[in-house]
Each structure stands twice: as structure tokens, then as C-alpha cells.
Amino acid sequence: MSTDLCEGRDLDGLGEQATDAQTRLTDICGGATGSSMASVVEYYAGKNVLITGATGFMGKVLVEKLLRSCPEVKALYILVRPKAGQSMQQRVSDMMKCKLFDRVREENPDFHQKIIPISSELTQPGLAISPEDVEKLTTCINIVFHCAATIRFDEPLKHALQLNVIATQQLLSLAQQMHHLEAFIHISTAYANCNRKHIDEVIYPPPVEPKKLIDSLEWMDDGIVRDITPRLIGDRPNTYTYTKALAEYVVQQEQDKLNIGIIRPSIVGASWQEPFPGWIDNFNGPSGVFIAAGKGILRTMRANNDAVADLIPVDVVISLTLAAGWYTAVHRPKTALVYNCTTGGINPFHWGEIEHHVMSSFKRNPLEQAFRRPNANITSNYLINQYWILVSHKFPAFIYDLFLRLSGQKPQMMRIFNRLHKAISLLEYFSSQDWEWNSENMSMLMGQLTPEDRKTFNFDVRQLNWPEYIENYCIGTKKYVLNEDMSDIPAARQHLRKLRNIRYTFNTLLIVFIWRVFIARSQMARNIWYFVVSLCFKFLSYFRASSTLTI
């Protein structure tokens, strides 16, 4: 599918779209051309960069990409929250030991010297940054990448508002004090306006004035806020998309004072190419679903097979983010530019296709100690989904927990399935429908890059081969999330064969049981059984006779 989309009219259409967008944005930005500007790599040379959320999934990839592709960058200042039992320095040290940084470590063993941690807490006034650190940041930072956010769909509204909106306001306030700031890049989400079916690269009016909401919720206790949350978020599915929409508006209000770019990625998944295919380090979003399916735990999921699964590789998002930082700093647009970083309108892939390729991948490269053989099905029908949840999830979980109790162990499978059902239910909204995202700015930005920059910062999703990507994604969950060794695949395959034999044995015993209980005790059931068997025998006899005549 992806090969077809890279040829013919699709490519021509995207080129025309890029030309139109470039013409429109030339009027906005004053007409600078790509040939007259420094390259992306040259721009970041000697720059001091501030990154929030650097210890998160996207933040780590951003840090790695900057250090590896822009080796002359001066320093990366990262806001880090000390955790209980772990200092700020220890968190950063653990992060840099991650396999993600292997390529950087080979090319520059002293790369860690460019990473400067700053103690911070997003839930505290002024982000809890010390006066000394504020002075340091305001005198040297050239570009800010704001990646920090809570991505929990079921986050209480007060906490989501604090992390996604109030913290953004405070960071913007700090940015206005920075003497040498050239660009402020905010990472949002393509689903900030998911109450719309067609989403342009504009900042829509907020569902409510952020300041009024913050002031109103300040005096309410958590119980009252929880009760009124459904009415507040309205036709949005959760507090995450609601507060991200508010954050975009907050950022937009500073566009007269700062050079601003907003990146809207869709469902961020494992890496496509960099630093190596399939890197992923968490169970969030599709990763957890893939693992549950590979383990044989997930058997059914409610989704629309024909709906577009708008996955976007994390390295694509980061390459676009760095390119947008360069463009924003060099061109200084008069208004904040929004980049819809999605795949559905350019190189679509559907949930039904994902199901097929995920199952195929895990059968070739099985996970260790699977609960059952991978065999998940997607259905859009609520009743059918509930039936399979009962038959394929709850009943096996009950039997397994009963076995654990009888053997003196603590039951756990029903609890695992309940957590899985909760996670899946939070994803149903996004897996059951389609959206259309305009991506003119993304196309325009691609046209502004030099050929060398397009290779170094590749966010051209037309080149994405989906079956290959899903294969690497599944292997990535095995290697980097579950820390399983690829050399143990033969043993994992043997375990799947064992599970297959157990299933065949169980099915045989079930048939015998049904025979003894129902058929052997009823004359009518026996007559029907004999009639079916005789038909099968006659069919086999006819088939053999036909085969003999053909020979």
C-alpha cells in the first residue's frame, strides 16, 4: 500500500499542496527562501536548547536526535523532577544509559557533558526552578521545546489542567524573560480538536476561557470537579484532549511576543528508522495493546476495521519538531504555525490491517511465556465484542484464577483483564472513527529543507512501509519493553506449539463431554448427529471417487 502512495497522482497531489502552502506562507513570513538560509544542522550549532519532558518517551528521542544529528549544539538544558528515592542526577544518568543512546555513545562518548539538568516541578509555582537556574536560563537559552505533559486519558481534570495548561503558562512566562530566545515549540496532539471531523492547521477557539476555568476550579474540591467534568469537556472524550486544546490557546496568546510553532502528532508509536527501527520504551497507546495481543491475553477489541489507524513514528515527530524549530527561528512567522503531524491523509493504514500484521508478526516472533496463542479479532459490534470478552477473556481468567487458588497461589488473571478492558475502552473512541487533517504546513516545511536536511530530518511519511514498520514495532516491544532476547525465539515457538496442543486436547475433551451430556441421552440429537456424519462420509466418498476418475 505504502509503495503505491509514493507513486503517481498521490505524490503529485502532495507536491501541489506543498507549493500552495509555500506560496501562502511566503506571504506570511516575508519571502525567505531555503537556498538563502543556513541548514538545520548549521542552525543548531552553538545553540543552547531547553527541553521539558526530556525523560519521557518523545523527550528522550528529541535529546538523542539533537546530540547525534546536530553534534555542534552547545548544550541541552533539561527540566527534571526529582523522584522519591532517586535524585535528579540519578534520573538523568539512568536515562543516558538507555540503549537509545548507543549510537551517540559510539560517536561521542562524552555526549553527557552537553546535558545540563535543571531541577523543576511542573505542579509548583514558577515550575519550582531556583533563582540561580532562572538567571542561567534567561541569559543563554536560544530555543525551547515544550514536550512535558500528562498523557493519561483518565487524568483528573484539576491535575491535567495543572500539567498541561498552567505549567505551559508558566513556561511561556519564563520564555518571555529569555534574552536570546529565537523559537518556542509546543508539542500538542492531533486530537486536541477531535470533536471536529476535519481539522485544519489553525488554533480553534477554546471550549472555555482557560483563566476563567482555572479560577473556578481553584476553590472546588476534587469531588465537585469530578462530578462536573463530563459537562465541562462536552463532546471531547477525555481530559487529555480537552486540556491540550486549552494549552494551544494559551500558547497562541503569546504569538505577538514569541516566535511560536505548534506540533500536533497523532498516535505516537515506535521509531521507524532512527536511531534504529522499532525502539519503544513504554506500554502506552498501541504498544500495550500489541503486547497484550502477542501474549494471547487480548482476544477481542472494539474498533472499526476500515477506520484509519493514524499511527505516527516517534522519529518522524522529532524530525519535524527540529525542522519546525529551525524554520520558526529563521523565518520568524507573524503568527504561530501549526503542523498536523499525521499519516492518515498521506499514507493511510487501517485498524483491520494492523490486526493482521500484528498477529502475523507475533506468530513469527512470539513473546516468551505467552498465556495463549496470538489470535485477536477486531469488531465494531458492541454485542459481539461483549460476547467474546465473556468467552475469551473473563471465562479463561476465572478458570486460571481458580487453578491458582487451588494451588495456593494468589489469583491475578481477572485483575489483569480488568485493567486491560479499562485501557481498551479508553482507546475505543480513537479506533472507531476517522478524522481528516490538513497537512499543508508539514508539506511546506519539507519543501523548505535542503536535500541533505531531508535525509537527516526525514518526516516524509510517504516512504513509510507499513507492514515492515509494524513488524519492527512488534519486535521492538519484545526487545525494549519486555527485555526479551531474540535468541530465545525457538523456545517461545515451542511454547506456542505446546499451547496449540493443549487447545486441541481441550477441544477434544469438550466435544466428548458434549456428546456424553447431550447427544448420548437424546434420540433426536443422535439422529441429527448420524445424519451429519453420513453426509460427511458421502462427501468424502464422492471426493475420492472424483479424484480417482481425474487421475
Protein backbone atom coordinates (compact mmCIF):
# COMPACT_ATOMS: atom_id res chain seq x y z
CA MET A 1 0.00 0.00 0.00
CA SER A 2 2.71 2.46 1.01
CA THR A 3 4.58 1.85 -2.28
CA ASP A 4 1.52 2.83 -4.28
CA LEU A 5 1.14 6.01 -2.32
CA CYS A 6 4.70 7.06 -3.18
CA GLU A 7 3.93 6.99 -6.89
CA GLY A 8 1.65 8.67 -9.39
CA ARG A 9 -1.07 11.12 -8.53
CA ASP A 10 -0.66 10.89 -4.72
CA LEU A 11 2.89 12.23 -4.95
CA ASP A 12 1.85 14.87 -7.48
CA GLY A 13 -1.04 15.94 -5.28
CA LEU A 14 1.19 16.35 -2.26
CA GLY A 15 3.68 18.34 -4.33
CA GLU A 16 0.93 20.73 -5.45
CA GLN A 17 -0.24 21.01 -1.85
CA ALA A 18 3.30 21.87 -0.73
CA THR A 19 3.60 24.52 -3.47
CA ASP A 20 0.32 26.16 -2.47
CA ALA A 21 1.26 26.11 1.22
CA GLN A 22 4.72 27.53 0.48
CA THR A 23 3.21 30.39 -1.53
CA ARG A 24 0.74 31.20 1.27
CA LEU A 25 3.42 31.08 3.96
CA THR A 26 5.86 33.16 1.93
CA ASP A 27 3.33 35.98 2.18
CA ILE A 28 3.06 35.46 5.94
CA CYS A 29 6.78 35.15 6.69
CA GLY A 30 8.28 37.69 4.34
CA GLY A 31 9.56 35.53 1.48
CA ALA A 32 12.82 33.98 2.70
CA THR A 33 13.88 31.02 0.60
CA GLY A 34 15.50 27.76 1.58
CA SER A 35 18.61 28.44 -0.52
CA SER A 36 19.40 31.64 1.40
CA MET A 37 19.24 30.07 4.86
CA ALA A 38 21.58 28.01 6.98
CA SER A 39 20.81 24.32 7.06
CA VAL A 40 19.07 22.80 10.07
CA VAL A 41 22.31 21.28 11.35
CA GLU A 42 24.15 24.61 10.90
CA TYR A 43 21.40 26.48 12.71
CA TYR A 44 21.61 24.37 15.88
CA ALA A 45 25.41 24.66 16.03
CA GLY A 46 26.35 26.72 19.09
CA LYS A 47 22.76 26.92 20.34
CA ASN A 48 21.55 26.39 23.91
CA VAL A 49 18.31 24.39 23.95
CA LEU A 50 15.78 24.00 26.77
CA ILE A 51 13.68 20.81 26.74
CA THR A 52 10.81 19.93 29.06
CA GLY A 53 9.69 16.30 29.36
CA ALA A 54 13.17 15.14 28.39
CA THR A 55 12.92 11.95 30.45
CA GLY A 56 9.69 10.94 28.68
CA PHE A 57 9.36 8.87 25.52
CA MET A 58 9.39 11.70 22.97
CA GLY A 59 11.75 13.83 25.05
CA LYS A 60 14.44 11.17 25.10
CA VAL A 61 14.23 10.74 21.32
CA LEU A 62 14.50 14.53 20.90
CA VAL A 63 17.61 14.68 23.12
CA GLU A 64 19.23 11.76 21.26
CA LYS A 65 18.44 13.20 17.82
CA LEU A 66 19.82 16.63 18.69
CA LEU A 67 23.06 15.19 20.08
CA ARG A 68 23.58 12.80 17.16
CA SER A 69 22.42 14.85 14.15
CA CYS A 70 23.49 18.27 15.47
CA PRO A 71 26.79 17.42 17.18
CA GLU A 72 27.81 21.11 17.39
CA VAL A 73 24.84 22.04 19.56
CA LYS A 74 26.26 23.84 22.58
CA ALA A 75 24.16 22.50 25.46
CA LEU A 76 20.83 20.87 26.24
CA TYR A 77 19.18 22.11 29.41
CA ILE A 78 16.53 19.64 30.54
CA LEU A 79 13.93 20.20 33.27
CA VAL A 80 13.90 17.15 35.54
CA ARG A 81 11.67 16.34 38.50
CA PRO A 82 13.40 14.52 41.35
CA LYS A 83 11.50 11.36 42.29
CA ALA A 84 11.18 9.69 45.66
CA GLY A 85 14.34 7.70 46.31
CA GLN A 86 16.01 8.96 43.13
CA SER A 87 17.85 12.24 42.70
CA MET A 88 17.69 14.41 39.60
CA GLN A 89 21.25 13.43 38.65
CA GLN A 90 20.45 9.74 39.04
CA ARG A 91 17.41 10.02 36.76
CA VAL A 92 19.49 11.70 34.06
CA SER A 93 22.29 9.16 34.47
CA ASP A 94 19.82 6.27 34.10
CA MET A 95 18.33 7.91 31.03
CA MET A 96 21.71 8.22 29.32
CA LYS A 97 22.48 4.53 29.94
CA CYS A 98 19.45 3.63 27.83
CA LYS A 99 20.07 1.65 24.63
CA LEU A 100 18.53 4.57 22.75
CA PHE A 101 21.81 6.47 23.19
CA ASP A 102 24.08 3.68 21.92
CA ARG A 103 24.76 5.37 18.56
CA VAL A 104 25.53 8.71 20.19
CA ARG A 105 27.74 6.96 22.74
CA GLU A 106 29.76 5.33 19.94
CA GLU A 107 30.21 8.59 18.05
CA ASN A 108 30.81 10.81 21.09
CA PRO A 109 31.50 9.06 24.43
CA ASP A 110 31.43 12.43 26.22
CA PHE A 111 27.98 13.42 24.95
CA HIS A 112 26.64 13.55 28.52
CA GLN A 113 28.69 16.68 29.17
CA LYS A 114 26.30 18.64 26.95
CA ILE A 115 23.26 17.64 29.02
CA ILE A 116 22.62 20.04 31.91
CA PRO A 117 19.76 19.01 34.25
CA ILE A 118 17.65 21.70 35.91
CA SER A 119 15.58 20.75 38.95
CA SER A 120 11.93 21.54 38.29
CA GLU A 121 8.40 20.55 39.29
CA LEU A 122 5.57 21.39 36.87
CA THR A 123 2.93 21.40 39.60
CA GLN A 124 4.68 24.10 41.65
CA PRO A 125 4.63 27.90 41.23
CA GLY A 126 7.32 29.10 38.86
CA LEU A 127 7.92 25.43 37.97
CA ALA A 128 9.98 25.28 41.19
CA ILE A 129 13.08 26.48 39.31
CA SER A 130 15.62 28.12 41.61
CA PRO A 131 16.50 31.83 41.09
CA GLU A 132 20.04 30.82 40.11
CA ASP A 133 18.74 28.47 37.42
CA VAL A 134 16.24 31.07 36.19
CA GLU A 135 19.11 33.52 35.77
CA LYS A 136 21.11 30.90 33.89
CA LEU A 137 18.25 30.01 31.55
CA THR A 138 17.18 33.56 30.79
CA THR A 139 20.70 34.57 29.77
CA CYS A 140 21.60 31.68 27.47
CA ILE A 141 18.61 29.77 26.02
CA ASN A 142 18.02 30.14 22.27
CA ILE A 143 15.17 27.69 21.66
CA VAL A 144 12.58 25.95 23.85
CA PHE A 145 10.94 22.59 23.13
CA HIS A 146 7.97 22.04 25.44
CA CYS A 147 7.29 18.29 25.43
CA ALA A 148 6.15 17.82 29.03
CA ALA A 149 2.51 16.85 29.58
CA THR A 150 0.35 14.23 31.19
CA ILE A 151 -0.84 11.80 28.52
CA ARG A 152 -3.20 9.83 30.76
CA PHE A 153 -6.67 9.88 29.23
CA ASP A 154 -8.36 9.44 32.62
CA GLU A 155 -6.35 12.07 34.49
CA PRO A 156 -8.48 14.09 36.96
CA LEU A 157 -9.29 17.44 35.38
CA LYS A 158 -7.52 19.53 38.03
CA HIS A 159 -4.27 17.63 37.63
CA ALA A 160 -4.48 17.62 33.81
CA LEU A 161 -5.14 21.35 33.87
CA GLN A 162 -2.14 21.92 36.13
CA LEU A 163 0.29 19.89 34.00
CA ASN A 164 -0.96 20.72 30.51
CA VAL A 165 -2.18 24.32 30.85
CA ILE A 166 -0.87 26.09 33.96
CA ALA A 167 2.65 24.66 33.54
CA THR A 168 2.59 25.82 29.91
CA GLN A 169 1.60 29.33 31.03
CA GLN A 170 4.48 29.42 33.49
CA LEU A 171 6.98 28.19 30.91
CA LEU A 172 5.78 30.89 28.49
CA SER A 173 6.29 33.46 31.24
CA LEU A 174 9.85 32.21 31.72
CA ALA A 175 10.41 32.23 27.95
CA GLN A 176 9.48 35.92 27.74
CA GLN A 177 12.36 36.67 30.11
CA MET A 178 14.90 34.90 27.90
CA HIS A 179 17.12 37.50 26.25
CA HIS A 180 18.23 35.39 23.29
CA LEU A 181 15.18 33.23 22.62
CA GLU A 182 14.57 32.60 18.92
CA ALA A 183 11.77 30.00 18.93
CA PHE A 184 9.27 28.33 21.26
CA ILE A 185 8.00 24.95 20.02
CA HIS A 186 4.99 23.42 21.78
CA ILE A 187 4.10 19.73 21.39
CA SER A 188 0.34 19.34 21.31
CA THR A 189 -1.76 16.49 19.86
CA ALA A 190 -3.68 15.98 16.62
CA TYR A 191 -6.66 15.04 18.78
CA ALA A 192 -6.86 18.38 20.62
CA ASN A 193 -9.81 19.17 18.36
CA CYS A 194 -11.15 15.64 17.94
CA ASN A 195 -14.70 16.98 18.29
CA ARG A 196 -14.24 18.09 14.66
CA LYS A 197 -14.06 15.69 11.72
CA HIS A 198 -11.92 17.96 9.54
CA ILE A 199 -9.02 19.65 11.33
CA ASP A 200 -7.04 22.44 9.69
CA GLU A 201 -3.65 23.73 10.79
CA VAL A 202 -5.20 26.53 12.81
CA ILE A 203 -5.80 27.10 16.51
CA TYR A 204 -9.52 26.82 17.13
CA PRO A 205 -11.39 28.85 19.76
CA PRO A 206 -11.07 27.14 23.14
CA PRO A 207 -14.06 25.37 24.71
CA VAL A 208 -13.74 27.79 27.63
CA GLU A 209 -11.53 30.71 28.59
CA PRO A 210 -8.59 28.98 30.38
CA LYS A 211 -8.20 31.66 33.04
CA LYS A 212 -11.88 31.50 33.99
CA LEU A 213 -11.73 27.72 34.27
CA ILE A 214 -8.56 27.80 36.38
CA ASP A 215 -10.04 30.42 38.72
CA SER A 216 -13.31 28.47 39.03
CA LEU A 217 -11.72 25.12 39.79
CA GLU A 218 -9.31 26.58 42.32
CA TRP A 219 -11.92 26.74 45.11
CA MET A 220 -13.70 23.46 44.27
CA ASP A 221 -12.85 20.20 46.00
CA ASP A 222 -11.92 17.16 43.93
CA GLY A 223 -15.36 15.54 44.32
CA ILE A 224 -17.20 18.50 42.80
CA VAL A 225 -14.68 18.77 39.96
CA ARG A 226 -15.07 15.06 39.23
CA ASP A 227 -18.85 15.41 39.08
CA ILE A 228 -18.85 18.35 36.66
CA THR A 229 -16.00 17.11 34.44
CA PRO A 230 -18.27 15.36 31.86
CA ARG A 231 -20.26 18.57 31.38
CA LEU A 232 -17.08 20.66 31.08
CA ILE A 233 -15.32 18.52 28.48
CA GLY A 234 -18.53 18.21 26.46
CA ASP A 235 -18.06 16.33 23.18
CA ARG A 236 -14.40 15.59 23.81
CA PRO A 237 -13.64 12.06 25.07
CA ASN A 238 -11.29 12.85 27.96
CA THR A 239 -9.46 15.48 29.98
CA TYR A 240 -6.28 15.00 27.94
CA THR A 241 -7.69 16.27 24.63
CA TYR A 242 -9.65 18.97 26.47
CA THR A 243 -6.66 20.45 28.29
CA LYS A 244 -4.39 20.18 25.23
CA ALA A 245 -6.90 22.33 23.31
CA LEU A 246 -6.77 24.90 26.12
CA ALA A 247 -2.95 24.79 26.09
CA GLU A 248 -2.87 25.59 22.37
CA TYR A 249 -4.94 28.71 23.01
CA VAL A 250 -2.65 29.73 25.88
CA VAL A 251 0.38 29.40 23.60
CA GLN A 252 -1.32 31.33 20.81
CA GLN A 253 -1.87 34.31 23.11
CA GLU A 254 1.91 34.86 23.22
CA GLN A 255 2.47 34.84 19.45
CA ASP A 256 2.99 38.61 19.40
CA LYS A 257 5.85 38.31 21.89
CA LEU A 258 7.45 34.99 20.87
CA ASN A 259 8.19 33.06 17.69
CA ILE A 260 5.92 30.05 18.13
CA GLY A 261 5.40 26.70 16.42
CA ILE A 262 2.91 24.01 17.46
CA ILE A 263 3.37 20.34 16.57
CA ARG A 264 0.29 18.09 16.55
CA PRO A 265 1.28 14.40 16.34
CA SER A 266 -1.42 11.73 16.16
CA ILE A 267 -0.86 8.36 17.89
CA VAL A 268 2.88 8.28 18.52
CA GLY A 269 4.42 4.83 18.11
CA ALA A 270 7.81 3.15 17.92
CA SER A 271 10.64 4.55 15.83
CA TRP A 272 10.64 4.00 12.08
CA GLN A 273 14.34 4.46 11.25
CA GLU A 274 16.19 6.34 13.98
CA PRO A 275 18.20 5.72 15.97
CA PHE A 276 17.18 2.19 14.93
CA PRO A 277 13.87 0.63 13.84
CA GLY A 278 11.30 -0.33 16.44
CA TRP A 279 12.58 1.50 19.52
CA ILE A 280 9.87 1.87 22.16
CA ASP A 281 10.10 2.01 25.94
CA ASN A 282 6.54 2.04 27.29
CA PHE A 283 3.15 0.32 27.34
CA ASN A 284 1.22 3.44 26.36
CA GLY A 285 -1.25 3.53 23.47
CA PRO A 286 -0.83 0.83 20.82
CA SER A 287 2.27 -0.67 22.48
CA GLY A 288 0.28 -2.12 25.37
CA VAL A 289 -2.39 -3.42 23.01
CA PHE A 290 0.23 -5.10 20.80
CA ILE A 291 1.89 -6.77 23.78
CA ALA A 292 -1.45 -7.97 25.19
CA ALA A 293 -2.31 -9.45 21.80
CA GLY A 294 1.14 -11.04 21.45
CA LYS A 295 0.83 -12.62 24.89
CA GLY A 296 -2.52 -14.11 23.91
CA ILE A 297 -4.29 -12.12 26.62
CA LEU A 298 -6.18 -9.80 24.27
CA ARG A 299 -8.60 -11.74 22.06
CA THR A 300 -11.11 -9.10 21.08
CA MET A 301 -11.15 -5.33 20.68
CA ARG A 302 -13.88 -2.98 19.63
CA ALA A 303 -12.74 -0.94 16.65
CA ASN A 304 -13.68 -0.20 13.07
CA ASN A 305 -11.66 -2.41 10.72
CA ASP A 306 -11.99 0.20 7.97
CA ALA A 307 -11.09 3.20 10.13
CA VAL A 308 -7.66 4.74 9.61
CA ALA A 309 -5.20 3.95 12.38
CA ASP A 310 -3.30 7.22 12.40
CA LEU A 311 -0.03 6.00 13.87
CA ILE A 312 3.00 8.26 13.56
CA PRO A 313 6.55 7.01 14.30
CA VAL A 314 8.25 8.93 17.09
CA ASP A 315 11.34 9.73 14.98
CA VAL A 316 9.09 11.33 12.34
CA VAL A 317 7.60 13.62 15.00
CA ILE A 318 11.03 14.57 16.35
CA SER A 319 12.49 15.27 12.90
CA LEU A 320 9.52 17.52 12.12
CA THR A 321 9.87 19.21 15.53
CA LEU A 322 13.54 20.06 14.98
CA ALA A 323 12.86 21.27 11.44
CA ALA A 324 9.98 23.41 12.73
CA GLY A 325 12.28 24.87 15.40
CA TRP A 326 14.74 25.87 12.69
CA TYR A 327 12.05 27.32 10.44
CA THR A 328 10.39 29.25 13.27
CA ALA A 329 13.67 30.77 14.40
CA VAL A 330 14.91 31.69 10.93
CA HIS A 331 11.65 32.92 9.36
CA ARG A 332 10.04 34.36 12.49
CA PRO A 333 6.41 33.90 11.31
CA LYS A 334 3.98 36.65 12.26
CA THR A 335 1.54 34.12 13.67
CA ALA A 336 2.02 30.74 15.33
CA LEU A 337 2.33 27.99 12.74
CA VAL A 338 0.60 24.67 13.43
CA TYR A 339 1.90 21.40 11.96
CA ASN A 340 -0.54 18.46 11.82
CA CYS A 341 1.90 15.54 12.05
CA THR A 342 -0.29 12.67 10.82
CA THR A 343 -0.24 9.82 8.30
CA GLY A 344 -3.91 9.14 7.51
CA GLY A 345 -4.29 11.68 4.72
CA ILE A 346 -0.93 10.86 3.10
CA ASN A 347 -0.24 7.16 3.65
CA PRO A 348 -3.31 5.59 5.30
CA PHE A 349 -3.29 2.27 7.16
CA HIS A 350 -6.37 0.74 8.77
CA TRP A 351 -7.07 -0.99 12.07
CA GLY A 352 -8.02 -4.22 10.29
CA GLU A 353 -4.65 -4.25 8.54
CA ILE A 354 -2.85 -3.59 11.81
CA GLU A 355 -4.62 -6.56 13.39
CA HIS A 356 -3.46 -8.86 10.58
CA HIS A 357 0.16 -7.73 10.63
CA VAL A 358 0.48 -7.69 14.43
CA MET A 359 -0.84 -11.26 14.67
CA SER A 360 1.41 -12.42 11.83
CA SER A 361 4.46 -10.79 13.40
CA PHE A 362 3.93 -12.31 16.84
CA LYS A 363 3.43 -15.77 15.33
CA ARG A 364 6.80 -15.44 13.58
CA ASN A 365 8.50 -13.78 16.56
CA PRO A 366 6.49 -14.91 19.60
CA LEU A 367 6.75 -13.38 23.04
CA GLU A 368 8.04 -15.53 25.87
CA GLN A 369 5.64 -17.41 28.17
CA ALA A 370 2.52 -16.42 26.24
CA PHE A 371 -0.79 -17.06 28.02
CA ARG A 372 -2.35 -18.28 24.75
CA ARG A 373 -1.53 -18.32 21.06
CA PRO A 374 -1.87 -14.82 19.49
CA ASN A 375 -5.31 -14.63 17.88
CA ALA A 376 -7.05 -11.27 18.40
CA ASN A 377 -10.07 -10.10 16.43
CA ILE A 378 -11.44 -6.63 15.85
CA THR A 379 -15.18 -5.98 15.69
CA SER A 380 -17.25 -2.80 15.63
CA ASN A 381 -20.32 -4.57 17.02
CA TYR A 382 -20.83 -3.95 20.74
CA LEU A 383 -22.75 -7.17 21.46
CA ILE A 384 -20.30 -9.39 19.57
CA ASN A 385 -17.41 -7.73 21.40
CA GLN A 386 -19.10 -8.30 24.78
CA TYR A 387 -19.72 -11.95 23.88
CA TRP A 388 -16.06 -12.53 23.07
CA ILE A 389 -14.97 -10.66 26.21
CA LEU A 390 -17.08 -13.11 28.23
CA VAL A 391 -15.96 -16.23 26.34
CA SER A 392 -12.33 -15.38 25.54
CA HIS A 393 -11.39 -13.10 28.43
CA LYS A 394 -13.45 -13.49 31.58
CA PHE A 395 -14.13 -17.24 31.45
CA PRO A 396 -10.45 -18.24 30.87
CA ALA A 397 -9.39 -15.72 33.54
CA PHE A 398 -11.85 -17.25 36.02
CA ILE A 399 -10.61 -20.79 35.28
CA TYR A 400 -6.95 -19.75 35.57
CA ASP A 401 -7.53 -17.88 38.84
CA LEU A 402 -9.41 -20.90 40.19
CA PHE A 403 -6.40 -23.05 39.36
CA LEU A 404 -4.11 -20.56 41.15
CA ARG A 405 -6.31 -20.57 44.25
CA LEU A 406 -6.39 -24.37 44.35
CA SER A 407 -2.61 -24.46 44.07
CA GLY A 408 -2.22 -21.97 46.92
CA GLN A 409 -1.18 -19.01 44.76
CA LYS A 410 -2.63 -15.51 44.58
CA PRO A 411 -5.20 -15.07 41.74
CA GLN A 412 -4.19 -12.36 39.27
CA MET A 413 -5.59 -13.00 35.79
CA MET A 414 -9.02 -11.42 36.35
CA ARG A 415 -7.32 -8.29 37.67
CA ILE A 416 -5.09 -8.17 34.58
CA PHE A 417 -8.09 -8.50 32.27
CA ASN A 418 -10.00 -5.76 34.12
CA ARG A 419 -7.06 -3.39 33.67
CA LEU A 420 -6.84 -4.38 30.01
CA HIS A 421 -10.55 -3.72 29.45
CA LYS A 422 -10.22 -0.29 31.03
CA ALA A 423 -7.26 0.60 28.80
CA ILE A 424 -9.02 -0.68 25.68
CA SER A 425 -12.19 1.25 26.50
CA LEU A 426 -10.18 4.48 26.64
CA LEU A 427 -8.88 3.80 23.11
CA GLU A 428 -12.25 2.89 21.56
CA TYR A 429 -13.08 6.50 20.72
CA PHE A 430 -9.94 6.78 18.59
CA SER A 431 -10.11 3.32 16.97
CA SER A 432 -13.74 3.55 15.88
CA GLN A 433 -13.77 6.63 13.68
CA ASP A 434 -11.83 8.69 11.14
CA TRP A 435 -10.53 12.25 11.05
CA GLU A 436 -9.18 14.37 8.20
CA TRP A 437 -6.16 16.52 8.98
CA ASN A 438 -4.88 19.22 6.69
CA SER A 439 -1.08 18.94 6.44
CA GLU A 440 -0.11 21.87 4.21
CA ASN A 441 2.39 23.30 6.69
CA MET A 442 4.10 19.93 7.03
CA SER A 443 4.39 19.77 3.23
CA MET A 444 5.61 23.37 3.07
CA LEU A 445 8.31 22.70 5.65
CA MET A 446 9.52 19.67 3.70
CA GLY A 447 9.88 21.89 0.64
CA GLN A 448 11.99 24.38 2.60
CA LEU A 449 14.63 21.80 3.54
CA THR A 450 17.80 21.16 1.57
CA PRO A 451 18.21 17.66 0.10
CA GLU A 452 20.73 16.85 2.83
CA ASP A 453 18.37 18.04 5.58
CA ARG A 454 15.55 15.95 4.13
CA LYS A 455 17.70 12.88 4.65
CA THR A 456 18.89 13.87 8.11
CA PHE A 457 15.47 15.03 9.32
CA ASN A 458 13.18 12.73 7.38
CA PHE A 459 9.49 13.19 8.12
CA ASP A 460 8.21 12.16 4.68
CA VAL A 461 5.66 9.51 5.66
CA ARG A 462 5.01 8.66 2.01
CA GLN A 463 8.13 6.48 2.28
CA LEU A 464 6.77 4.54 5.26
CA ASN A 465 6.25 0.83 4.52
CA TRP A 466 3.54 -0.15 6.99
CA PRO A 467 3.96 -3.97 7.12
CA GLU A 468 7.70 -3.55 7.71
CA TYR A 469 7.07 -0.86 10.33
CA ILE A 470 4.53 -2.98 12.24
CA GLU A 471 6.95 -5.93 12.17
CA ASN A 472 9.72 -3.78 13.67
CA TYR A 473 7.27 -2.28 16.16
CA CYS A 474 6.27 -5.73 17.46
CA ILE A 475 9.90 -6.83 17.68
CA GLY A 476 10.66 -3.56 19.49
CA THR A 477 8.07 -4.28 22.17
CA LYS A 478 9.72 -7.67 22.68
CA LYS A 479 13.30 -6.37 22.84
CA TYR A 480 13.00 -2.97 24.51
CA VAL A 481 9.80 -3.04 26.58
CA LEU A 482 9.79 -6.66 27.75
CA ASN A 483 13.59 -7.02 27.54
CA GLU A 484 13.33 -10.42 25.85
CA ASP A 485 16.25 -11.92 23.97
CA MET A 486 15.74 -12.68 20.27
CA SER A 487 17.85 -15.82 20.68
CA ASP A 488 15.04 -17.30 22.80
CA ILE A 489 12.56 -17.24 19.89
CA PRO A 490 12.89 -21.03 19.21
CA ALA A 491 11.87 -21.73 22.81
CA ALA A 492 8.97 -19.27 22.51
CA ARG A 493 7.81 -21.05 19.34
CA GLN A 494 7.99 -24.37 21.14
CA HIS A 495 5.82 -22.86 23.90
CA LEU A 496 3.24 -21.81 21.28
CA ARG A 497 3.18 -25.34 19.89
CA LYS A 498 2.60 -26.62 23.42
CA LEU A 499 -0.30 -24.19 23.83
CA ARG A 500 -1.72 -25.35 20.49
CA ASN A 501 -1.65 -28.98 21.63
CA ILE A 502 -3.31 -28.05 24.91
CA ARG A 503 -6.05 -26.26 22.97
CA TYR A 504 -6.62 -29.26 20.68
CA THR A 505 -6.79 -31.57 23.70
CA PHE A 506 -9.24 -29.27 25.47
CA ASN A 507 -11.45 -29.02 22.38
CA THR A 508 -11.47 -32.81 22.02
CA LEU A 509 -12.44 -33.28 25.65
CA LEU A 510 -15.14 -30.64 25.26
CA ILE A 511 -16.64 -32.50 22.28
CA VAL A 512 -16.61 -35.75 24.23
CA PHE A 513 -18.28 -34.02 27.16
CA ILE A 514 -20.99 -32.54 24.93
CA TRP A 515 -21.52 -35.98 23.38
CA ARG A 516 -21.94 -37.65 26.76
CA VAL A 517 -24.20 -35.00 28.22
CA PHE A 518 -26.43 -34.14 25.28
CA ILE A 519 -26.17 -36.44 22.26
CA ALA A 520 -25.90 -39.83 24.03
CA ARG A 521 -29.01 -39.04 26.07
CA SER A 522 -31.31 -37.84 23.31
CA GLN A 523 -32.65 -39.89 20.41
CA MET A 524 -33.31 -36.78 18.34
CA ALA A 525 -29.76 -35.49 18.93
CA ARG A 526 -28.35 -38.89 17.93
CA ASN A 527 -30.43 -38.92 14.72
CA ILE A 528 -29.15 -35.44 13.81
CA TRP A 529 -25.58 -36.48 14.64
CA TYR A 530 -25.78 -39.62 12.48
CA PHE A 531 -27.31 -37.63 9.63
CA VAL A 532 -24.44 -35.10 9.71
CA VAL A 533 -21.83 -37.88 9.91
CA SER A 534 -23.41 -39.74 6.97
CA LEU A 535 -23.40 -36.57 4.87
CA CYS A 536 -19.71 -36.04 5.64
CA PHE A 537 -18.98 -39.68 4.75
CA LYS A 538 -20.86 -39.40 1.44
CA PHE A 539 -18.98 -36.19 0.60
CA LEU A 540 -15.62 -37.83 1.29
CA SER A 541 -16.59 -40.86 -0.79
CA TYR A 542 -17.62 -38.61 -3.68
CA PHE A 543 -14.41 -36.60 -3.39
CA ARG A 544 -12.27 -39.76 -3.51
CA ALA A 545 -14.21 -41.11 -6.50
CA SER A 546 -13.79 -37.80 -8.34
CA SER A 547 -10.06 -37.77 -7.62
CA THR A 548 -9.71 -41.36 -8.96
CA LEU A 549 -11.56 -40.51 -12.19
CA THR A 550 -9.39 -37.41 -12.71
CA ILE A 551 -6.21 -39.47 -12.38
